[in-house]
Amino acid sequence: MLPKIIILAVLAVILASLFSALALMFRKDGEKNRMVQALTVRVALSIGLFLMLLAGFYFGIIPQRGLK
């Protein structure tokens, strides 16, 4: 149950970062540095989530389901 909560929380932060960058993109203030930082955070979180999922499968924390 805990891995599902962590995965959903990271996905929520990824989406928040994405929409933050979208909002900054439409501003006229010239906040391009903050937009790039928000997108960098999103990419880093996505890579981190992917690596966390791989580690979870490898160590058996997340059970593998599918065809046997």
PDB file of N, CA and C in Angstrom:
ATOM      1  N   MET A   1       0.817  -1.196   0.000  1.00  0.00           N
ATOM      2  CA  MET A   1       0.000   0.000   0.000  1.00  0.00           C
ATOM      3  C   MET A   1       0.865   1.266   0.000  1.00  0.00           C
ATOM      4  N   LEU A   2       1.961   1.227   0.761  1.00  0.00           N
ATOM      5  CA  LEU A   2       2.844   2.385   0.834  1.00  0.00           C
ATOM      6  C   LEU A   2       3.492   2.713  -0.512  1.00  0.00           C
ATOM      7  N   PRO A   3       3.946   1.711  -1.300  1.00  0.00           N
ATOM      8  CA  PRO A   3       4.510   2.066  -2.613  1.00  0.00           C
ATOM      9  C   PRO A   3       3.502   2.764  -3.529  1.00  0.00           C
ATOM     10  N   LYS A   4       2.228   2.364  -3.455  1.00  0.00           N
ATOM     11  CA  LYS A   4       1.215   3.017  -4.286  1.00  0.00           C
ATOM     12  C   LYS A   4       1.044   4.477  -3.897  1.00  0.00           C
ATOM     13  N   ILE A   5       1.058   4.749  -2.589  1.00  0.00           N
ATOM     14  CA  ILE A   5       0.901   6.125  -2.119  1.00  0.00           C
ATOM     15  C   ILE A   5       2.088   6.980  -2.550  1.00  0.00           C
ATOM     16  N   ILE A   6       3.292   6.414  -2.454  1.00  0.00           N
ATOM     17  CA  ILE A   6       4.497   7.152  -2.855  1.00  0.00           C
ATOM     18  C   ILE A   6       4.473   7.430  -4.354  1.00  0.00           C
ATOM     19  N   ILE A   7       4.103   6.439  -5.144  1.00  0.00           N
ATOM     20  CA  ILE A   7       4.040   6.614  -6.601  1.00  0.00           C
ATOM     21  C   ILE A   7       3.019   7.679  -6.976  1.00  0.00           C
ATOM     22  N   LEU A   8       1.840   7.628  -6.354  1.00  0.00           N
ATOM     23  CA  LEU A   8       0.812   8.632  -6.652  1.00  0.00           C
ATOM     24  C   LEU A   8       1.232  10.021  -6.209  1.00  0.00           C
ATOM     25  N   ALA A   9       1.934  10.122  -5.084  1.00  0.00           N
ATOM     26  CA  ALA A   9       2.408  11.425  -4.619  1.00  0.00           C
ATOM     27  C   ALA A   9       3.444  12.009  -5.578  1.00  0.00           C
ATOM     28  N   VAL A  10       4.362  11.174  -6.052  1.00  0.00           N
ATOM     29  CA  VAL A  10       5.376  11.657  -7.004  1.00  0.00           C
ATOM     30  C   VAL A  10       4.717  12.065  -8.318  1.00  0.00           C
ATOM     31  N   LEU A  11       3.734  11.298  -8.768  1.00  0.00           N
ATOM     32  CA  LEU A  11       3.013  11.673  -9.996  1.00  0.00           C
ATOM     33  C   LEU A  11       2.280  12.998  -9.823  1.00  0.00           C
ATOM     34  N   ALA A  12       1.718  13.233  -8.644  1.00  0.00           N
ATOM     35  CA  ALA A  12       1.030  14.506  -8.386  1.00  0.00           C
ATOM     36  C   ALA A  12       2.014  15.673  -8.419  1.00  0.00           C
ATOM     37  N   VAL A  13       3.209  15.477  -7.861  1.00  0.00           N
ATOM     38  CA  VAL A  13       4.222  16.539  -7.888  1.00  0.00           C
ATOM     39  C   VAL A  13       4.707  16.774  -9.313  1.00  0.00           C
ATOM     40  N   ILE A  14       4.837  15.709 -10.099  1.00  0.00           N
ATOM     41  CA  ILE A  14       5.236  15.848 -11.505  1.00  0.00           C
ATOM     42  C   ILE A  14       4.201  16.670 -12.270  1.00  0.00           C
ATOM     43  N   LEU A  15       2.927  16.361 -12.060  1.00  0.00           N
ATOM     44  CA  LEU A  15       1.870  17.133 -12.738  1.00  0.00           C
ATOM     45  C   LEU A  15       1.840  18.585 -12.264  1.00  0.00           C
ATOM     46  N   ALA A  16       2.049  18.809 -10.978  1.00  0.00           N
ATOM     47  CA  ALA A  16       2.074  20.179 -10.462  1.00  0.00           C
ATOM     48  C   ALA A  16       3.218  20.965 -11.089  1.00  0.00           C
ATOM     49  N   SER A  17       4.371  20.344 -11.232  1.00  0.00           N
ATOM     50  CA  SER A  17       5.509  21.011 -11.855  1.00  0.00           C
ATOM     51  C   SER A  17       5.229  21.310 -13.323  1.00  0.00           C
ATOM     52  N   LEU A  18       4.569  20.384 -14.000  1.00  0.00           N
ATOM     53  CA  LEU A  18       4.239  20.589 -15.408  1.00  0.00           C
ATOM     54  C   LEU A  18       3.275  21.763 -15.591  1.00  0.00           C
ATOM     55  N   PHE A  19       2.237  21.820 -14.759  1.00  0.00           N
ATOM     56  CA  PHE A  19       1.281  22.917 -14.880  1.00  0.00           C
ATOM     57  C   PHE A  19       1.873  24.237 -14.396  1.00  0.00           C
ATOM     58  N   SER A  20       2.821  24.173 -13.472  1.00  0.00           N
ATOM     59  CA  SER A  20       3.522  25.383 -13.059  1.00  0.00           C
ATOM     60  C   SER A  20       4.324  25.955 -14.226  1.00  0.00           C
ATOM     61  N   ALA A  21       5.005  25.083 -14.952  1.00  0.00           N
ATOM     62  CA  ALA A  21       5.760  25.538 -16.131  1.00  0.00           C
ATOM     63  C   ALA A  21       4.824  26.088 -17.203  1.00  0.00           C
ATOM     64  N   LEU A  22       3.651  25.474 -17.346  1.00  0.00           N
ATOM     65  CA  LEU A  22       2.682  25.968 -18.320  1.00  0.00           C
ATOM     66  C   LEU A  22       2.208  27.371 -17.957  1.00  0.00           C
ATOM     67  N   ALA A  23       1.924  27.584 -16.674  1.00  0.00           N
ATOM     68  CA  ALA A  23       1.489  28.908 -16.234  1.00  0.00           C
ATOM     69  C   ALA A  23       2.590  29.942 -16.420  1.00  0.00           C
ATOM     70  N   LEU A  24       3.826  29.555 -16.142  1.00  0.00           N
ATOM     71  CA  LEU A  24       4.943  30.481 -16.317  1.00  0.00           C
ATOM     72  C   LEU A  24       5.205  30.784 -17.782  1.00  0.00           C
ATOM     73  N   MET A  25       4.874  29.856 -18.654  1.00  0.00           N
ATOM     74  CA  MET A  25       5.092  30.067 -20.075  1.00  0.00           C
ATOM     75  C   MET A  25       4.185  31.181 -20.610  1.00  0.00           C
ATOM     76  N   PHE A  26       2.987  31.295 -20.077  1.00  0.00           N
ATOM     77  CA  PHE A  26       2.042  32.278 -20.569  1.00  0.00           C
ATOM     78  C   PHE A  26       2.188  33.645 -19.918  1.00  0.00           C
ATOM     79  N   ARG A  27       3.053  33.774 -18.936  1.00  0.00           N
ATOM     80  CA  ARG A  27       3.276  35.080 -18.321  1.00  0.00           C
ATOM     81  C   ARG A  27       4.131  35.950 -19.234  1.00  0.00           C
ATOM     82  N   LYS A  28       3.926  37.228 -19.148  1.00  0.00           N
ATOM     83  CA  LYS A  28       4.671  38.180 -19.973  1.00  0.00           C
ATOM     84  C   LYS A  28       5.891  38.747 -19.235  1.00  0.00           C
ATOM     85  N   ASP A  29       6.127  38.288 -17.993  1.00  0.00           N
ATOM     86  CA  ASP A  29       7.180  38.878 -17.162  1.00  0.00           C
ATOM     87  C   ASP A  29       8.585  38.483 -17.592  1.00  0.00           C
ATOM     88  N   GLY A  30       8.704  37.488 -18.441  1.00  0.00           N
ATOM     89  CA  GLY A  30      10.024  37.010 -18.820  1.00  0.00           C
ATOM     90  C   GLY A  30      10.590  36.041 -17.805  1.00  0.00           C
ATOM     91  N   GLU A  31       9.739  35.252 -17.212  1.00  0.00           N
ATOM     92  CA  GLU A  31      10.142  34.283 -16.188  1.00  0.00           C
ATOM     93  C   GLU A  31      10.596  32.971 -16.831  1.00  0.00           C
ATOM     94  N   LYS A  32      11.429  33.060 -17.831  1.00  0.00           N
ATOM     95  CA  LYS A  32      11.849  31.854 -18.553  1.00  0.00           C
ATOM     96  C   LYS A  32      12.746  30.970 -17.678  1.00  0.00           C
ATOM     97  N   ASN A  33      13.551  31.583 -16.795  1.00  0.00           N
ATOM     98  CA  ASN A  33      14.420  30.780 -15.933  1.00  0.00           C
ATOM     99  C   ASN A  33      13.607  29.908 -14.993  1.00  0.00           C
ATOM    100  N   ARG A  34      12.536  30.454 -14.441  1.00  0.00           N
ATOM    101  CA  ARG A  34      11.686  29.670 -13.544  1.00  0.00           C
ATOM    102  C   ARG A  34      10.966  28.569 -14.302  1.00  0.00           C
ATOM    103  N   MET A  35      10.594  28.838 -15.553  1.00  0.00           N
ATOM    104  CA  MET A  35       9.938  27.807 -16.358  1.00  0.00           C
ATOM    105  C   MET A  35      10.905  26.665 -16.640  1.00  0.00           C
ATOM    106  N   VAL A  36      12.139  26.993 -16.970  1.00  0.00           N
ATOM    107  CA  VAL A  36      13.146  25.967 -17.227  1.00  0.00           C
ATOM    108  C   VAL A  36      13.412  25.166 -15.959  1.00  0.00           C
ATOM    109  N   GLN A  37      13.443  25.818 -14.813  1.00  0.00           N
ATOM    110  CA  GLN A  37      13.640  25.110 -13.549  1.00  0.00           C
ATOM    111  C   GLN A  37      12.482  24.166 -13.258  1.00  0.00           C
ATOM    112  N   ALA A  38      11.253  24.609 -13.526  1.00  0.00           N
ATOM    113  CA  ALA A  38      10.090  23.752 -13.291  1.00  0.00           C
ATOM    114  C   ALA A  38      10.126  22.528 -14.206  1.00  0.00           C
ATOM    115  N   LEU A  39      10.525  22.721 -15.452  1.00  0.00           N
ATOM    116  CA  LEU A  39      10.619  21.585 -16.368  1.00  0.00           C
ATOM    117  C   LEU A  39      11.777  20.658 -15.991  1.00  0.00           C
ATOM    118  N   THR A  40      12.861  21.225 -15.476  1.00  0.00           N
ATOM    119  CA  THR A  40      13.987  20.412 -15.016  1.00  0.00           C
ATOM    120  C   THR A  40      13.580  19.554 -13.823  1.00  0.00           C
ATOM    121  N   VAL A  41      12.815  20.140 -12.921  1.00  0.00           N
ATOM    122  CA  VAL A  41      12.309  19.382 -11.768  1.00  0.00           C
ATOM    123  C   VAL A  41      11.402  18.258 -12.246  1.00  0.00           C
ATOM    124  N   ARG A  42      10.557  18.529 -13.233  1.00  0.00           N
ATOM    125  CA  ARG A  42       9.654  17.509 -13.742  1.00  0.00           C
ATOM    126  C   ARG A  42      10.416  16.351 -14.363  1.00  0.00           C
ATOM    127  N   VAL A  43      11.436  16.655 -15.154  1.00  0.00           N
ATOM    128  CA  VAL A  43      12.230  15.598 -15.790  1.00  0.00           C
ATOM    129  C   VAL A  43      12.990  14.798 -14.736  1.00  0.00           C
ATOM    130  N   ALA A  44      13.568  15.470 -13.754  1.00  0.00           N
ATOM    131  CA  ALA A  44      14.306  14.775 -12.694  1.00  0.00           C
ATOM    132  C   ALA A  44      13.381  13.868 -11.883  1.00  0.00           C
ATOM    133  N   LEU A  45      12.186  14.340 -11.565  1.00  0.00           N
ATOM    134  CA  LEU A  45      11.225  13.514 -10.827  1.00  0.00           C
ATOM    135  C   LEU A  45      10.768  12.323 -11.661  1.00  0.00           C
ATOM    136  N   SER A  46      10.585  12.532 -12.949  1.00  0.00           N
ATOM    137  CA  SER A  46      10.163  11.427 -13.819  1.00  0.00           C
ATOM    138  C   SER A  46      11.235  10.351 -13.895  1.00  0.00           C
ATOM    139  N   ILE A  47      12.483  10.756 -14.041  1.00  0.00           N
ATOM    140  CA  ILE A  47      13.578   9.791 -14.075  1.00  0.00           C
ATOM    141  C   ILE A  47      13.706   9.089 -12.730  1.00  0.00           C
ATOM    142  N   GLY A  48      13.565   9.849 -11.651  1.00  0.00           N
ATOM    143  CA  GLY A  48      13.627   9.254 -10.322  1.00  0.00           C
ATOM    144  C   GLY A  48      12.514   8.247 -10.086  1.00  0.00           C
ATOM    145  N   LEU A  49      11.313   8.565 -10.544  1.00  0.00           N
ATOM    146  CA  LEU A  49      10.190   7.631 -10.406  1.00  0.00           C
ATOM    147  C   LEU A  49      10.439   6.366 -11.218  1.00  0.00           C
ATOM    148  N   PHE A  50      10.957   6.529 -12.413  1.00  0.00           N
ATOM    149  CA  PHE A  50      11.253   5.366 -13.251  1.00  0.00           C
ATOM    150  C   PHE A  50      12.284   4.463 -12.582  1.00  0.00           C
ATOM    151  N   LEU A  51      13.348   5.060 -12.049  1.00  0.00           N
ATOM    152  CA  LEU A  51      14.371   4.277 -11.366  1.00  0.00           C
ATOM    153  C   LEU A  51      13.821   3.620 -10.101  1.00  0.00           C
ATOM    154  N   MET A  52      12.938   4.329  -9.404  1.00  0.00           N
ATOM    155  CA  MET A  52      12.325   3.765  -8.204  1.00  0.00           C
ATOM    156  C   MET A  52      11.435   2.574  -8.557  1.00  0.00           C
ATOM    157  N   LEU A  53      10.707   2.664  -9.658  1.00  0.00           N
ATOM    158  CA  LEU A  53       9.887   1.534 -10.094  1.00  0.00           C
ATOM    159  C   LEU A  53      10.745   0.338 -10.495  1.00  0.00           C
ATOM    160  N   LEU A  54      11.840   0.603 -11.206  1.00  0.00           N
ATOM    161  CA  LEU A  54      12.757  -0.485 -11.571  1.00  0.00           C
ATOM    162  C   LEU A  54      13.330  -1.156 -10.323  1.00  0.00           C
ATOM    163  N   ALA A  55      13.735  -0.357  -9.345  1.00  0.00           N
ATOM    164  CA  ALA A  55      14.280  -0.922  -8.110  1.00  0.00           C
ATOM    165  C   ALA A  55      13.207  -1.697  -7.352  1.00  0.00           C
ATOM    166  N   GLY A  56      11.977  -1.197  -7.359  1.00  0.00           N
ATOM    167  CA  GLY A  56      10.890  -1.900  -6.688  1.00  0.00           C
ATOM    168  C   GLY A  56      10.609  -3.255  -7.303  1.00  0.00           C
ATOM    169  N   PHE A  57      10.662  -3.338  -8.619  1.00  0.00           N
ATOM    170  CA  PHE A  57      10.484  -4.623  -9.298  1.00  0.00           C
ATOM    171  C   PHE A  57      11.661  -5.556  -9.013  1.00  0.00           C
ATOM    172  N   TYR A  58      12.859  -5.010  -9.030  1.00  0.00           N
ATOM    173  CA  TYR A  58      14.054  -5.829  -8.840  1.00  0.00           C
ATOM    174  C   TYR A  58      14.105  -6.432  -7.435  1.00  0.00           C
ATOM    175  N   PHE A  59      13.797  -5.621  -6.417  1.00  0.00           N
ATOM    176  CA  PHE A  59      13.883  -6.083  -5.039  1.00  0.00           C
ATOM    177  C   PHE A  59      12.601  -6.753  -4.548  1.00  0.00           C
ATOM    178  N   GLY A  60      11.579  -6.836  -5.383  1.00  0.00           N
ATOM    179  CA  GLY A  60      10.363  -7.535  -5.020  1.00  0.00           C
ATOM    180  C   GLY A  60       9.381  -6.735  -4.197  1.00  0.00           C
ATOM    181  N   ILE A  61       9.589  -5.434  -4.080  1.00  0.00           N
ATOM    182  CA  ILE A  61       8.657  -4.594  -3.330  1.00  0.00           C
ATOM    183  C   ILE A  61       7.361  -4.453  -4.110  1.00  0.00           C
ATOM    184  N   ILE A  62       7.486  -4.350  -5.420  1.00  0.00           N
ATOM    185  CA  ILE A  62       6.318  -4.283  -6.314  1.00  0.00           C
ATOM    186  C   ILE A  62       6.217  -5.633  -7.010  1.00  0.00           C
ATOM    187  N   PRO A  63       5.149  -6.373  -6.790  1.00  0.00           N
ATOM    188  CA  PRO A  63       5.055  -7.711  -7.408  1.00  0.00           C
ATOM    189  C   PRO A  63       4.832  -7.606  -8.909  1.00  0.00           C
ATOM    190  N   GLN A  64       5.447  -8.540  -9.626  1.00  0.00           N
ATOM    191  CA  GLN A  64       5.266  -8.589 -11.072  1.00  0.00           C
ATOM    192  C   GLN A  64       4.016  -9.397 -11.369  1.00  0.00           C
ATOM    193  N   ARG A  65       3.159  -8.847 -12.190  1.00  0.00           N
ATOM    194  CA  ARG A  65       1.948  -9.540 -12.594  1.00  0.00           C
ATOM    195  C   ARG A  65       1.907  -9.607 -14.107  1.00  0.00           C
ATOM    196  N   GLY A  66       1.237 -10.599 -14.620  1.00  0.00           N
ATOM    197  CA  GLY A  66       1.136 -10.709 -16.062  1.00  0.00           C
ATOM    198  C   GLY A  66       1.046 -12.158 -16.480  1.00  0.00           C
ATOM    199  N   LEU A  67       1.442 -12.419 -17.700  1.00  0.00           N
ATOM    200  CA  LEU A  67       1.378 -13.778 -18.226  1.00  0.00           C
ATOM    201  C   LEU A  67       2.473 -14.636 -17.608  1.00  0.00           C
ATOM    202  N   LYS A  68       2.100 -15.858 -17.251  1.00  0.00           N
ATOM    203  CA  LYS A  68       3.085 -16.792 -16.692  1.00  0.00           C
ATOM    204  C   LYS A  68       3.096 -18.055 -17.483  1.00  0.00           C
TER     205      LYS A  68
END
